[in-house]
């Protein structure tokens, strides 16, 4: 498996001011990895972020940005298309072959209606991406109001938006009540990128409510409920050759340490197949 660092793991919450993009690149290289998924450009011109990435001998494997095609007004949804246009321009400068649009849910819009609302904007976004030579993806997003979590919901989006592909998130898909291996196998023809993250079951007030009716809190990959040995075996057997982000949203470990620990675990699982 090819692994990549996800900048969001570092640039979030209490940790966001403790790391620079140079720190992320330096840690990526130290771990022996060659790729970063830049989640936004952190207010930096994409050309400068590309220069820094290149200076460490790394590449941008994906560029992730926010696109609210689930907004409650047509004007806001048109603005989301402008966000995609800018994101794709940045992805091209970064040299990223794929991009991921983050599209959360809304409490005031039922999930099935949200998928219909989102599809219209996504179809246009996919056309923009194809013109730019970039593969646009979505992921199963967590939360009980998320418009798409399960493989069937993601399949619905791919069917309604020809050319759209999937960033497979093992942890998030599990929160829809679906086995991550079964979900991957159902989507494998559309998966071009992956996020590896994990969860543990939680009790209020900890964690957040998910589509399967349970509460989950973030965990380090290998310390939660996702069966990564089974998943890695399935991805290996189906010939997946892309990258997988190491994602961590918890605070039990500093982001750089969490990434190193998760990578060590995943490499040991990989080694067990040889």
Protein backbone atom coordinates (compact mmCIF):
# COMPACT_ATOMS: atom_id res chain seq x y z
CA UNK A 1 0.00 0.00 0.00
CA UNK A 2 1.14 3.53 -0.75
CA UNK A 3 0.60 5.88 2.19
CA UNK A 4 0.34 9.66 2.25
CA UNK A 5 0.22 12.32 4.93
CA UNK A 6 -3.00 14.30 5.31
CA UNK A 7 -2.33 17.92 6.21
CA UNK A 8 -5.70 18.13 8.00
CA UNK A 9 -4.38 15.73 10.66
CA UNK A 10 -1.89 18.45 11.63
CA UNK A 11 -3.75 21.69 10.83
CA UNK A 12 -6.87 21.36 12.98
CA UNK A 13 -8.24 22.28 16.39
CA UNK A 14 -5.71 22.74 19.17
CA UNK A 15 -2.84 21.71 16.90
CA UNK A 16 -3.37 24.06 13.96
CA UNK A 17 -0.89 26.73 15.07
CA UNK A 18 1.82 24.27 16.11
CA UNK A 19 2.77 23.04 12.64
CA UNK A 20 3.79 24.78 9.43
CA UNK A 21 3.53 23.37 5.92
CA UNK A 22 7.30 22.95 6.08
CA UNK A 23 6.90 20.88 9.26
CA UNK A 24 4.38 18.64 7.51
CA UNK A 25 6.68 18.13 4.53
CA UNK A 26 9.67 17.47 6.77
CA UNK A 27 7.77 14.86 8.78
CA UNK A 28 6.46 13.22 5.61
CA UNK A 29 10.00 12.82 4.32
CA UNK A 30 11.24 11.61 7.72
CA UNK A 31 8.65 8.83 7.65
CA UNK A 32 9.88 7.71 4.25
CA UNK A 33 6.69 8.78 2.47
CA UNK A 34 6.56 10.74 -0.78
CA UNK A 35 3.10 12.31 -0.90
CA UNK A 36 0.85 14.81 0.86
CA UNK A 37 -2.86 15.51 0.55
CA UNK A 38 -3.12 19.28 0.97
CA UNK A 39 -6.46 20.10 2.59
CA UNK A 40 -6.83 23.73 1.44
CA UNK A 41 -3.70 25.79 0.80
CA UNK A 42 -3.78 27.53 4.22
CA UNK A 43 -3.97 30.99 2.70
CA UNK A 44 -0.81 30.39 0.70
CA UNK A 45 -0.64 30.74 -3.09
CA UNK A 46 -0.72 27.27 -4.60
CA UNK A 47 2.51 27.98 -6.47
CA UNK A 48 4.33 28.65 -3.19
CA UNK A 49 2.88 25.50 -1.61
CA UNK A 50 4.03 23.58 -4.68
CA UNK A 51 7.52 25.06 -4.35
CA UNK A 52 7.77 23.96 -0.72
CA UNK A 53 6.41 20.49 -1.49
CA UNK A 54 8.88 20.06 -4.35
CA UNK A 55 11.79 21.25 -2.20
CA UNK A 56 11.32 18.23 0.06
CA UNK A 57 11.15 15.83 -2.88
CA UNK A 58 7.43 15.24 -2.31
CA UNK A 59 4.31 15.37 -4.45
CA UNK A 60 0.71 16.42 -3.88
CA UNK A 61 -1.33 13.24 -4.24
CA UNK A 62 -4.66 15.03 -3.75
CA UNK A 63 -6.05 18.49 -3.05
CA UNK A 64 -9.05 18.72 -0.75
CA UNK A 65 -11.38 21.70 -0.43
CA UNK A 66 -14.82 22.66 0.83
CA UNK A 67 -17.74 22.92 -1.61
CA UNK A 68 -21.18 23.45 -0.10
CA UNK A 69 -23.47 22.14 -2.82
CA UNK A 70 -25.90 21.45 0.03
CA UNK A 71 -26.42 25.14 0.81
CA UNK A 72 -30.00 26.33 1.26
CA UNK A 73 -30.00 28.93 -1.53
CA UNK A 74 -29.26 28.71 -5.23
CA UNK A 75 -26.85 31.65 -4.93
CA UNK A 76 -24.84 29.84 -2.27
CA UNK A 77 -24.73 26.69 -4.36
CA UNK A 78 -23.45 28.70 -7.34
CA UNK A 79 -20.80 30.10 -5.03
CA UNK A 80 -19.81 26.51 -4.21
CA UNK A 81 -19.15 25.95 -7.90
CA UNK A 82 -16.81 28.94 -7.84
CA UNK A 83 -15.04 27.33 -4.88
CA UNK A 84 -14.60 24.15 -6.90
CA UNK A 85 -13.24 26.14 -9.83
CA UNK A 86 -10.63 27.76 -7.58
CA UNK A 87 -9.85 24.44 -5.92
CA UNK A 88 -9.28 22.76 -9.25
CA UNK A 89 -7.02 25.59 -10.36
CA UNK A 90 -4.98 25.11 -7.18
CA UNK A 91 -4.93 21.33 -7.67
CA UNK A 92 -3.50 21.83 -11.16
CA UNK A 93 -0.77 24.12 -9.85
CA UNK A 94 0.03 21.64 -7.07
CA UNK A 95 0.24 18.83 -9.61
CA UNK A 96 -2.40 16.79 -7.79
CA UNK A 97 -4.05 14.15 -10.00
CA UNK A 98 -7.24 14.15 -7.98
CA UNK A 99 -9.26 16.46 -5.79
CA UNK A 100 -11.86 15.87 -3.10
CA UNK A 101 -14.84 18.11 -2.45
CA UNK A 102 -15.95 18.13 1.20
CA UNK A 103 -19.76 18.33 1.33
CA UNK A 104 -21.31 18.06 4.81
CA UNK A 105 -24.94 17.61 5.73
CA UNK A 106 -27.56 20.03 7.04
CA UNK A 107 -30.01 19.57 9.89
CA UNK A 108 -32.73 21.33 7.90
CA UNK A 109 -32.46 19.08 4.83
CA UNK A 110 -33.27 15.34 4.84
CA UNK A 111 -30.41 13.20 3.62
CA UNK A 112 -32.16 11.88 0.49
CA UNK A 113 -33.18 15.40 -0.54
CA UNK A 114 -29.64 16.61 0.08
CA UNK A 115 -28.24 14.06 -2.36
CA UNK A 116 -30.59 15.32 -5.07
CA UNK A 117 -29.68 18.92 -4.32
CA UNK A 118 -25.96 18.17 -4.35
CA UNK A 119 -26.06 16.16 -7.58
CA UNK A 120 -26.92 19.16 -9.71
CA UNK A 121 -23.86 21.13 -8.64
CA UNK A 122 -21.59 18.11 -8.65
CA UNK A 123 -22.41 17.33 -12.27
CA UNK A 124 -21.14 20.76 -13.27
CA UNK A 125 -18.13 20.37 -10.98
CA UNK A 126 -17.18 17.06 -12.61
CA UNK A 127 -17.26 18.74 -16.03
CA UNK A 128 -14.89 21.43 -14.75
CA UNK A 129 -12.58 18.77 -13.32
CA UNK A 130 -12.53 16.76 -16.53
CA UNK A 131 -11.62 19.88 -18.50
CA UNK A 132 -8.76 20.48 -16.05
CA UNK A 133 -7.59 16.87 -16.32
CA UNK A 134 -8.25 16.23 -12.63
CA UNK A 135 -10.35 13.44 -11.11
CA UNK A 136 -12.98 14.83 -8.74
CA UNK A 137 -13.99 12.69 -5.76
CA UNK A 138 -16.27 12.67 -2.74
CA UNK A 139 -15.99 10.62 0.45
CA UNK A 140 -18.46 8.99 2.82
CA UNK A 141 -18.79 11.89 5.25
CA UNK A 142 -19.43 11.27 8.97
CA UNK A 143 -22.42 12.48 10.96
CA UNK A 144 -26.07 11.51 11.22
CA UNK A 145 -27.01 14.34 8.85
CA UNK A 146 -24.40 13.45 6.22
CA UNK A 147 -25.88 13.17 2.71
CA UNK A 148 -23.81 10.10 1.82
CA UNK A 149 -22.19 7.55 4.10
CA UNK A 150 -22.97 4.06 2.79
CA UNK A 151 -21.73 2.44 -0.40
CA UNK A 152 -25.24 2.51 -1.89
CA UNK A 153 -25.52 6.26 -1.25
CA UNK A 154 -22.12 6.87 -2.80
CA UNK A 155 -23.09 4.67 -5.74
CA UNK A 156 -26.20 6.83 -6.19
CA UNK A 157 -23.99 9.93 -6.41
CA UNK A 158 -21.58 8.35 -8.89
CA UNK A 159 -24.48 7.21 -11.07
CA UNK A 160 -26.07 10.66 -11.07
CA UNK A 161 -22.75 12.43 -11.75
CA UNK A 162 -20.88 10.53 -14.52
CA UNK A 163 -17.13 10.86 -14.08
CA UNK A 164 -17.32 11.37 -10.31
CA UNK A 165 -15.08 9.01 -8.33
CA UNK A 166 -14.73 7.95 -4.71
CA UNK A 167 -12.24 8.66 -1.97
CA UNK A 168 -12.88 5.59 0.15
CA UNK A 169 -12.87 6.39 3.89
CA UNK A 170 -12.88 3.15 5.86
CA UNK A 171 -13.78 4.68 9.22
CA UNK A 172 -16.52 6.93 7.94
CA UNK A 173 -18.17 4.18 5.91
CA UNK A 174 -18.35 2.00 9.03
CA UNK A 175 -20.42 4.68 10.78
CA UNK A 176 -23.17 4.05 8.25
CA UNK A 177 -23.62 0.57 9.69
CA UNK A 178 -21.73 -1.14 6.88
CA UNK A 179 -18.74 -3.46 7.03
CA UNK A 180 -15.80 -1.48 5.59
CA UNK A 181 -14.57 -4.44 3.55
CA UNK A 182 -18.00 -5.05 2.00
CA UNK A 183 -18.31 -1.32 1.33
CA UNK A 184 -14.94 -1.20 -0.38
CA UNK A 185 -15.74 -4.22 -2.55
CA UNK A 186 -19.04 -2.62 -3.59
CA UNK A 187 -17.23 0.55 -4.67
CA UNK A 188 -13.84 -0.75 -5.78
CA UNK A 189 -14.29 0.16 -9.45
CA UNK A 190 -14.84 3.81 -8.48
CA UNK A 191 -12.20 4.16 -5.74
CA UNK A 192 -9.17 6.23 -6.76
CA UNK A 193 -7.97 7.40 -3.34
CA UNK A 194 -8.47 6.40 0.29
CA UNK A 195 -8.53 7.73 3.85
CA UNK A 196 -7.54 5.40 6.67
CA UNK A 197 -8.98 6.55 9.99
CA UNK A 198 -10.57 4.84 12.97
CA UNK A 199 -13.24 5.28 15.62
CA UNK A 200 -14.22 3.90 19.01
CA UNK A 201 -17.79 3.67 20.28
CA UNK A 202 -18.58 6.46 22.74
CA UNK A 203 -21.18 7.54 25.27
CA UNK A 204 -22.62 11.07 25.61
CA UNK A 205 -21.27 13.67 25.81
CA UNK A 206 -18.27 12.17 24.03
CA UNK A 207 -18.16 11.61 20.29
CA UNK A 208 -20.86 12.36 17.76
CA UNK A 209 -24.00 10.64 16.55
CA UNK A 210 -23.68 8.79 13.26
CA UNK A 211 -26.07 7.39 10.66
CA UNK A 212 -26.07 3.93 12.27
CA UNK A 213 -27.54 5.40 15.47
CA UNK A 214 -24.35 5.04 17.49
CA UNK A 215 -21.91 7.57 18.86
CA UNK A 216 -18.28 7.42 17.84
CA UNK A 217 -15.13 9.25 18.94
CA UNK A 218 -11.88 9.46 16.95
CA UNK A 219 -9.24 6.77 17.43
CA UNK A 220 -5.82 6.06 16.00
CA UNK A 221 -5.74 3.64 13.08
CA UNK A 222 -5.29 0.20 14.62
CA UNK A 223 -6.73 1.22 18.00
CA UNK A 224 -10.39 1.41 16.99
CA UNK A 225 -13.18 -0.69 15.56
CA UNK A 226 -12.09 -0.93 11.90
CA UNK A 227 -10.58 -4.29 10.94
CA UNK A 228 -7.60 -3.00 8.98
CA UNK A 229 -5.94 -6.38 8.38
CA UNK A 230 -9.10 -7.59 6.60
CA UNK A 231 -9.42 -4.34 4.67
CA UNK A 232 -5.80 -4.26 3.55
CA UNK A 233 -6.07 -7.88 2.45
CA UNK A 234 -9.15 -7.06 0.35
CA UNK A 235 -7.52 -4.01 -1.24
CA UNK A 236 -4.41 -6.04 -1.98
CA UNK A 237 -6.45 -8.84 -3.56
CA UNK A 238 -8.36 -6.44 -5.80
CA UNK A 239 -5.15 -4.81 -7.01
CA UNK A 240 -5.58 -1.34 -5.51
CA UNK A 241 -2.43 0.61 -6.39
CA UNK A 242 -3.40 4.11 -5.25
CA UNK A 243 -2.60 6.00 -2.07
CA UNK A 244 -4.24 6.04 1.34
CA UNK A 245 -4.09 9.02 3.66
CA UNK A 246 -3.28 8.43 7.30
CA UNK A 247 -5.99 10.48 9.01
CA UNK A 248 -6.34 11.19 12.72
CA UNK A 249 -8.87 13.51 14.36
CA UNK A 250 -8.18 12.73 18.01
CA UNK A 251 -6.05 14.48 20.62
CA UNK A 252 -4.59 11.53 22.52
CA UNK A 253 -1.42 11.80 20.43
CA UNK A 254 0.18 14.83 18.79
CA UNK A 255 -0.46 14.68 15.02
CA UNK A 256 3.12 13.87 14.04
CA UNK A 257 3.31 11.05 16.59
CA UNK A 258 -0.14 9.75 15.62
CA UNK A 259 0.87 9.60 11.97
CA UNK A 260 4.07 7.73 12.80
CA UNK A 261 2.28 5.24 15.07
CA UNK A 262 -0.46 4.55 12.52
CA UNK A 263 2.07 4.16 9.72
CA UNK A 264 4.10 1.69 11.79
CA UNK A 265 0.95 -0.36 12.46
CA UNK A 266 -0.09 -0.37 8.80
CA UNK A 267 3.38 -1.32 7.62
CA UNK A 268 3.39 -4.26 10.02
CA UNK A 269 0.03 -5.40 8.65
CA UNK A 270 1.36 -5.06 5.10
CA UNK A 271 4.45 -7.08 6.02
CA UNK A 272 2.28 -9.92 7.31
CA UNK A 273 1.03 -10.55 3.75
CA UNK A 274 4.49 -11.18 2.34
